[in-house]
Amino acid sequence: MHCPYCRHTDSRVVDTRAADDGGSIRRRRQCSKCNSRFTTVESTSLNVIKRSGTSEPFSRAKVISGVRKACHGRPVTEDDLAQLAQLVEENIRLSGSAEVDAHDIGLAILAPLRELDVVAYLRFASVYQSFNSLEDFEASIAELRTLASEPLES
């Protein structure tokens, strides 16, 4: 780490704290040459491999944007969408992989969206899973009915 003031390469960590709900680490450093203090932020990267093979950083905003379309006209708030996106990111990070396939993100969205709003879930699933017929919708609705009739685990 170079000191931003004198460009010296040696510094010591004075303080370390978690930032962004534990998603990154904030470190206060002090240069051993000029004694200036500066802050660094360390975070893990999560990249998405798209169908085209290209890679880009994971974006909660893209998750929210995609789900927002399915939630149009439904009683779903922006806070609900933000919580869903955070949950999706947390679930993906739990896999421990630095790269995740875009398809896996879609799969990670389905379960929390089903809990949030079943109509939005059906809309999202119909596009994401490429429903081609009325039977695809009927099968998905039958599955939702089965899940709704199962007793909750305590």
C-alpha atoms as a PDB file:
ATOM      1  CA  MET A   1       0.000   0.000   0.000  1.00  0.00           C
ATOM      2  CA  HIS A   2       1.484   3.341  -1.052  1.00  0.00           C
ATOM      3  CA  CYS A   3       0.997   6.386   1.169  1.00  0.00           C
ATOM      4  CA  PRO A   4      -1.210   8.842  -0.771  1.00  0.00           C
ATOM      5  CA  TYR A   5       0.859  11.765   0.580  1.00  0.00           C
ATOM      6  CA  CYS A   6       4.500  10.732   0.152  1.00  0.00           C
ATOM      7  CA  ARG A   7       4.136   7.498  -1.910  1.00  0.00           C
ATOM      8  CA  HIS A   8       6.182   5.542   0.652  1.00  0.00           C
ATOM      9  CA  THR A   9       5.416   1.821   0.464  1.00  0.00           C
ATOM     10  CA  ASP A  10       5.371   1.019   4.183  1.00  0.00           C
ATOM     11  CA  SER A  11       2.428   1.707   6.478  1.00  0.00           C
ATOM     12  CA  ARG A  12       0.985   0.148   9.595  1.00  0.00           C
ATOM     13  CA  VAL A  13      -2.629  -0.589  10.427  1.00  0.00           C
ATOM     14  CA  VAL A  14      -3.877   1.600  13.291  1.00  0.00           C
ATOM     15  CA  ASP A  15      -7.527   0.498  13.390  1.00  0.00           C
ATOM     16  CA  THR A  16      -9.709  -2.089  11.629  1.00  0.00           C
ATOM     17  CA  ARG A  17     -13.508  -2.070  11.476  1.00  0.00           C
ATOM     18  CA  ALA A  18     -16.233  -3.807   9.528  1.00  0.00           C
ATOM     19  CA  ALA A  19     -18.128  -1.587   7.089  1.00  0.00           C
ATOM     20  CA  ASP A  20     -21.200  -1.972   4.850  1.00  0.00           C
ATOM     21  CA  ASP A  21     -22.907  -4.537   7.079  1.00  0.00           C
ATOM     22  CA  GLY A  22     -19.797  -6.693   7.145  1.00  0.00           C
ATOM     23  CA  GLY A  23     -19.356  -6.665   3.375  1.00  0.00           C
ATOM     24  CA  SER A  24     -16.068  -4.808   3.573  1.00  0.00           C
ATOM     25  CA  ILE A  25     -13.311  -3.881   6.008  1.00  0.00           C
ATOM     26  CA  ARG A  26     -12.230  -0.315   6.733  1.00  0.00           C
ATOM     27  CA  ARG A  27      -8.614   0.118   7.855  1.00  0.00           C
ATOM     28  CA  ARG A  28      -6.966   3.260   9.225  1.00  0.00           C
ATOM     29  CA  ARG A  29      -3.298   3.258   8.317  1.00  0.00           C
ATOM     30  CA  GLN A  30      -0.327   5.398   9.251  1.00  0.00           C
ATOM     31  CA  CYS A  31       2.652   5.968   6.982  1.00  0.00           C
ATOM     32  CA  SER A  32       5.951   4.991   8.630  1.00  0.00           C
ATOM     33  CA  LYS A  33       7.809   7.792   6.783  1.00  0.00           C
ATOM     34  CA  CYS A  34       5.606  10.930   7.010  1.00  0.00           C
ATOM     35  CA  ASN A  35       3.236   9.729   9.800  1.00  0.00           C
ATOM     36  CA  SER A  36       0.183  10.775   7.771  1.00  0.00           C
ATOM     37  CA  ARG A  37      -2.974   8.754   8.309  1.00  0.00           C
ATOM     38  CA  PHE A  38      -5.249   7.472   5.579  1.00  0.00           C
ATOM     39  CA  THR A  39      -8.107   5.012   5.181  1.00  0.00           C
ATOM     40  CA  THR A  40      -8.342   1.966   2.960  1.00  0.00           C
ATOM     41  CA  VAL A  41     -11.403  -0.162   2.284  1.00  0.00           C
ATOM     42  CA  GLU A  42     -11.131  -3.835   1.419  1.00  0.00           C
ATOM     43  CA  SER A  43     -14.024  -5.760  -0.041  1.00  0.00           C
ATOM     44  CA  THR A  44     -14.543  -9.071  -1.744  1.00  0.00           C
ATOM     45  CA  SER A  45     -15.509  -9.043  -5.365  1.00  0.00           C
ATOM     46  CA  LEU A  46     -18.374 -11.035  -6.812  1.00  0.00           C
ATOM     47  CA  ASN A  47     -18.463 -11.345 -10.573  1.00  0.00           C
ATOM     48  CA  VAL A  48     -21.330 -12.513 -12.741  1.00  0.00           C
ATOM     49  CA  ILE A  49     -20.628 -14.664 -15.810  1.00  0.00           C
ATOM     50  CA  LYS A  50     -23.212 -13.734 -18.417  1.00  0.00           C
ATOM     51  CA  ARG A  51     -24.562 -16.038 -21.149  1.00  0.00           C
ATOM     52  CA  SER A  52     -22.220 -14.389 -23.650  1.00  0.00           C
ATOM     53  CA  GLY A  53     -19.256 -15.458 -21.509  1.00  0.00           C
ATOM     54  CA  THR A  54     -18.391 -11.935 -20.413  1.00  0.00           C
ATOM     55  CA  SER A  55     -17.914 -11.120 -16.752  1.00  0.00           C
ATOM     56  CA  GLU A  56     -19.145  -8.089 -14.813  1.00  0.00           C
ATOM     57  CA  PRO A  57     -19.408  -7.147 -11.133  1.00  0.00           C
ATOM     58  CA  PHE A  58     -22.552  -8.255  -9.292  1.00  0.00           C
ATOM     59  CA  SER A  59     -25.078  -5.441  -9.016  1.00  0.00           C
ATOM     60  CA  ARG A  60     -27.968  -5.295  -6.571  1.00  0.00           C
ATOM     61  CA  ALA A  61     -29.411  -2.546  -8.754  1.00  0.00           C
ATOM     62  CA  LYS A  62     -29.708  -4.990 -11.671  1.00  0.00           C
ATOM     63  CA  VAL A  63     -31.473  -7.523  -9.450  1.00  0.00           C
ATOM     64  CA  ILE A  64     -33.894  -4.827  -8.280  1.00  0.00           C
ATOM     65  CA  SER A  65     -34.475  -3.620 -11.839  1.00  0.00           C
ATOM     66  CA  GLY A  66     -35.312  -7.098 -13.098  1.00  0.00           C
ATOM     67  CA  VAL A  67     -37.598  -7.910 -10.197  1.00  0.00           C
ATOM     68  CA  ARG A  68     -39.263  -4.480 -10.284  1.00  0.00           C
ATOM     69  CA  LYS A  69     -40.684  -5.288 -13.722  1.00  0.00           C
ATOM     70  CA  ALA A  70     -42.315  -8.439 -12.359  1.00  0.00           C
ATOM     71  CA  CYS A  71     -43.676  -6.469  -9.373  1.00  0.00           C
ATOM     72  CA  HIS A  72     -45.258  -3.715 -11.469  1.00  0.00           C
ATOM     73  CA  GLY A  73     -48.727  -2.972 -10.094  1.00  0.00           C
ATOM     74  CA  ARG A  74     -48.231  -5.250  -7.094  1.00  0.00           C
ATOM     75  CA  PRO A  75     -48.131  -4.147  -3.421  1.00  0.00           C
ATOM     76  CA  VAL A  76     -44.328  -4.384  -3.263  1.00  0.00           C
ATOM     77  CA  THR A  77     -42.317  -1.434  -1.922  1.00  0.00           C
ATOM     78  CA  GLU A  78     -38.822  -0.282  -2.839  1.00  0.00           C
ATOM     79  CA  ASP A  79     -37.712  -1.418   0.624  1.00  0.00           C
ATOM     80  CA  ASP A  80     -39.059  -4.888  -0.141  1.00  0.00           C
ATOM     81  CA  LEU A  81     -37.048  -4.936  -3.379  1.00  0.00           C
ATOM     82  CA  ALA A  82     -33.890  -3.742  -1.606  1.00  0.00           C
ATOM     83  CA  GLN A  83     -34.268  -6.455   1.056  1.00  0.00           C
ATOM     84  CA  LEU A  84     -34.828  -9.076  -1.637  1.00  0.00           C
ATOM     85  CA  ALA A  85     -31.684  -7.975  -3.501  1.00  0.00           C
ATOM     86  CA  GLN A  86     -29.660  -8.060  -0.285  1.00  0.00           C
ATOM     87  CA  LEU A  87     -30.942 -11.543   0.519  1.00  0.00           C
ATOM     88  CA  VAL A  88     -30.098 -12.741  -2.994  1.00  0.00           C
ATOM     89  CA  GLU A  89     -26.562 -11.342  -2.719  1.00  0.00           C
ATOM     90  CA  GLU A  90     -26.050 -12.891   0.719  1.00  0.00           C
ATOM     91  CA  ASN A  91     -27.249 -16.288  -0.511  1.00  0.00           C
ATOM     92  CA  ILE A  92     -24.932 -16.127  -3.521  1.00  0.00           C
ATOM     93  CA  ARG A  93     -21.953 -15.081  -1.384  1.00  0.00           C
ATOM     94  CA  LEU A  94     -22.620 -18.064   0.914  1.00  0.00           C
ATOM     95  CA  SER A  95     -21.617 -20.324  -1.965  1.00  0.00           C
ATOM     96  CA  GLY A  96     -18.063 -19.069  -1.429  1.00  0.00           C
ATOM     97  CA  SER A  97     -17.429 -18.582  -5.125  1.00  0.00           C
ATOM     98  CA  ALA A  98     -15.982 -15.343  -6.515  1.00  0.00           C
ATOM     99  CA  GLU A  99     -17.777 -15.922  -9.822  1.00  0.00           C
ATOM    100  CA  VAL A 100     -21.371 -16.927 -10.299  1.00  0.00           C
ATOM    101  CA  ASP A 101     -23.342 -17.759 -13.414  1.00  0.00           C
ATOM    102  CA  ALA A 102     -26.140 -15.312 -14.301  1.00  0.00           C
ATOM    103  CA  HIS A 103     -28.539 -18.263 -14.399  1.00  0.00           C
ATOM    104  CA  ASP A 104     -27.747 -19.004 -10.739  1.00  0.00           C
ATOM    105  CA  ILE A 105     -28.711 -15.457  -9.802  1.00  0.00           C
ATOM    106  CA  GLY A 106     -32.100 -15.974 -11.407  1.00  0.00           C
ATOM    107  CA  LEU A 107     -32.539 -19.175  -9.430  1.00  0.00           C
ATOM    108  CA  ALA A 108     -31.540 -17.357  -6.243  1.00  0.00           C
ATOM    109  CA  ILE A 109     -34.211 -14.724  -6.929  1.00  0.00           C
ATOM    110  CA  LEU A 110     -37.099 -17.191  -7.316  1.00  0.00           C
ATOM    111  CA  ALA A 111     -37.499 -18.413  -3.715  1.00  0.00           C
ATOM    112  CA  PRO A 112     -37.436 -15.002  -1.964  1.00  0.00           C
ATOM    113  CA  LEU A 113     -39.695 -13.541  -4.658  1.00  0.00           C
ATOM    114  CA  ARG A 114     -42.199 -16.366  -4.138  1.00  0.00           C
ATOM    115  CA  GLU A 115     -42.279 -15.436  -0.427  1.00  0.00           C
ATOM    116  CA  LEU A 116     -42.702 -11.749  -1.267  1.00  0.00           C
ATOM    117  CA  ASP A 117     -45.472 -11.933  -3.871  1.00  0.00           C
ATOM    118  CA  VAL A 118     -46.712 -15.017  -5.748  1.00  0.00           C
ATOM    119  CA  VAL A 119     -48.051 -13.034  -8.718  1.00  0.00           C
ATOM    120  CA  ALA A 120     -44.689 -11.308  -9.181  1.00  0.00           C
ATOM    121  CA  TYR A 121     -43.054 -14.724  -8.793  1.00  0.00           C
ATOM    122  CA  LEU A 122     -45.191 -16.155 -11.610  1.00  0.00           C
ATOM    123  CA  ARG A 123     -44.391 -13.185 -13.839  1.00  0.00           C
ATOM    124  CA  PHE A 124     -40.650 -13.485 -13.188  1.00  0.00           C
ATOM    125  CA  ALA A 125     -40.646 -17.275 -13.502  1.00  0.00           C
ATOM    126  CA  SER A 126     -42.605 -17.149 -16.751  1.00  0.00           C
ATOM    127  CA  VAL A 127     -39.886 -15.069 -18.385  1.00  0.00           C
ATOM    128  CA  TYR A 128     -36.910 -16.582 -16.577  1.00  0.00           C
ATOM    129  CA  GLN A 129     -37.959 -20.191 -17.091  1.00  0.00           C
ATOM    130  CA  SER A 130     -39.312 -19.511 -20.601  1.00  0.00           C
ATOM    131  CA  PHE A 131     -42.898 -20.624 -20.120  1.00  0.00           C
ATOM    132  CA  ASN A 132     -44.200 -21.585 -23.559  1.00  0.00           C
ATOM    133  CA  SER A 133     -47.719 -22.703 -22.846  1.00  0.00           C
ATOM    134  CA  LEU A 134     -50.661 -22.509 -20.513  1.00  0.00           C
ATOM    135  CA  GLU A 135     -49.573 -25.867 -19.102  1.00  0.00           C
ATOM    136  CA  ASP A 136     -46.314 -24.303 -17.875  1.00  0.00           C
ATOM    137  CA  PHE A 137     -48.322 -21.736 -15.902  1.00  0.00           C
ATOM    138  CA  GLU A 138     -50.692 -24.392 -14.591  1.00  0.00           C
ATOM    139  CA  ALA A 139     -47.790 -26.554 -13.400  1.00  0.00           C
ATOM    140  CA  SER A 140     -46.207 -23.613 -11.613  1.00  0.00           C
ATOM    141  CA  ILE A 141     -49.511 -22.634  -9.987  1.00  0.00           C
ATOM    142  CA  ALA A 142     -50.066 -26.252  -8.881  1.00  0.00           C
ATOM    143  CA  GLU A 143     -46.607 -26.240  -7.303  1.00  0.00           C
ATOM    144  CA  LEU A 144     -47.415 -22.967  -5.499  1.00  0.00           C
ATOM    145  CA  ARG A 145     -50.668 -24.446  -4.195  1.00  0.00           C
ATOM    146  CA  THR A 146     -48.825 -27.524  -2.925  1.00  0.00           C
ATOM    147  CA  LEU A 147     -46.244 -25.362  -1.139  1.00  0.00           C
ATOM    148  CA  ALA A 148     -48.997 -23.187   0.362  1.00  0.00           C
ATOM    149  CA  SER A 149     -50.853 -26.218   1.751  1.00  0.00           C
ATOM    150  CA  GLU A 150     -47.775 -27.722   3.432  1.00  0.00           C
ATOM    151  CA  PRO A 151     -47.485 -27.032   7.168  1.00  0.00           C
ATOM    152  CA  LEU A 152     -44.763 -24.587   8.185  1.00  0.00           C
ATOM    153  CA  GLU A 153     -41.729 -26.049   9.964  1.00  0.00           C
ATOM    154  CA  SER A 154     -41.326 -24.918  13.550  1.00  0.00           C
END
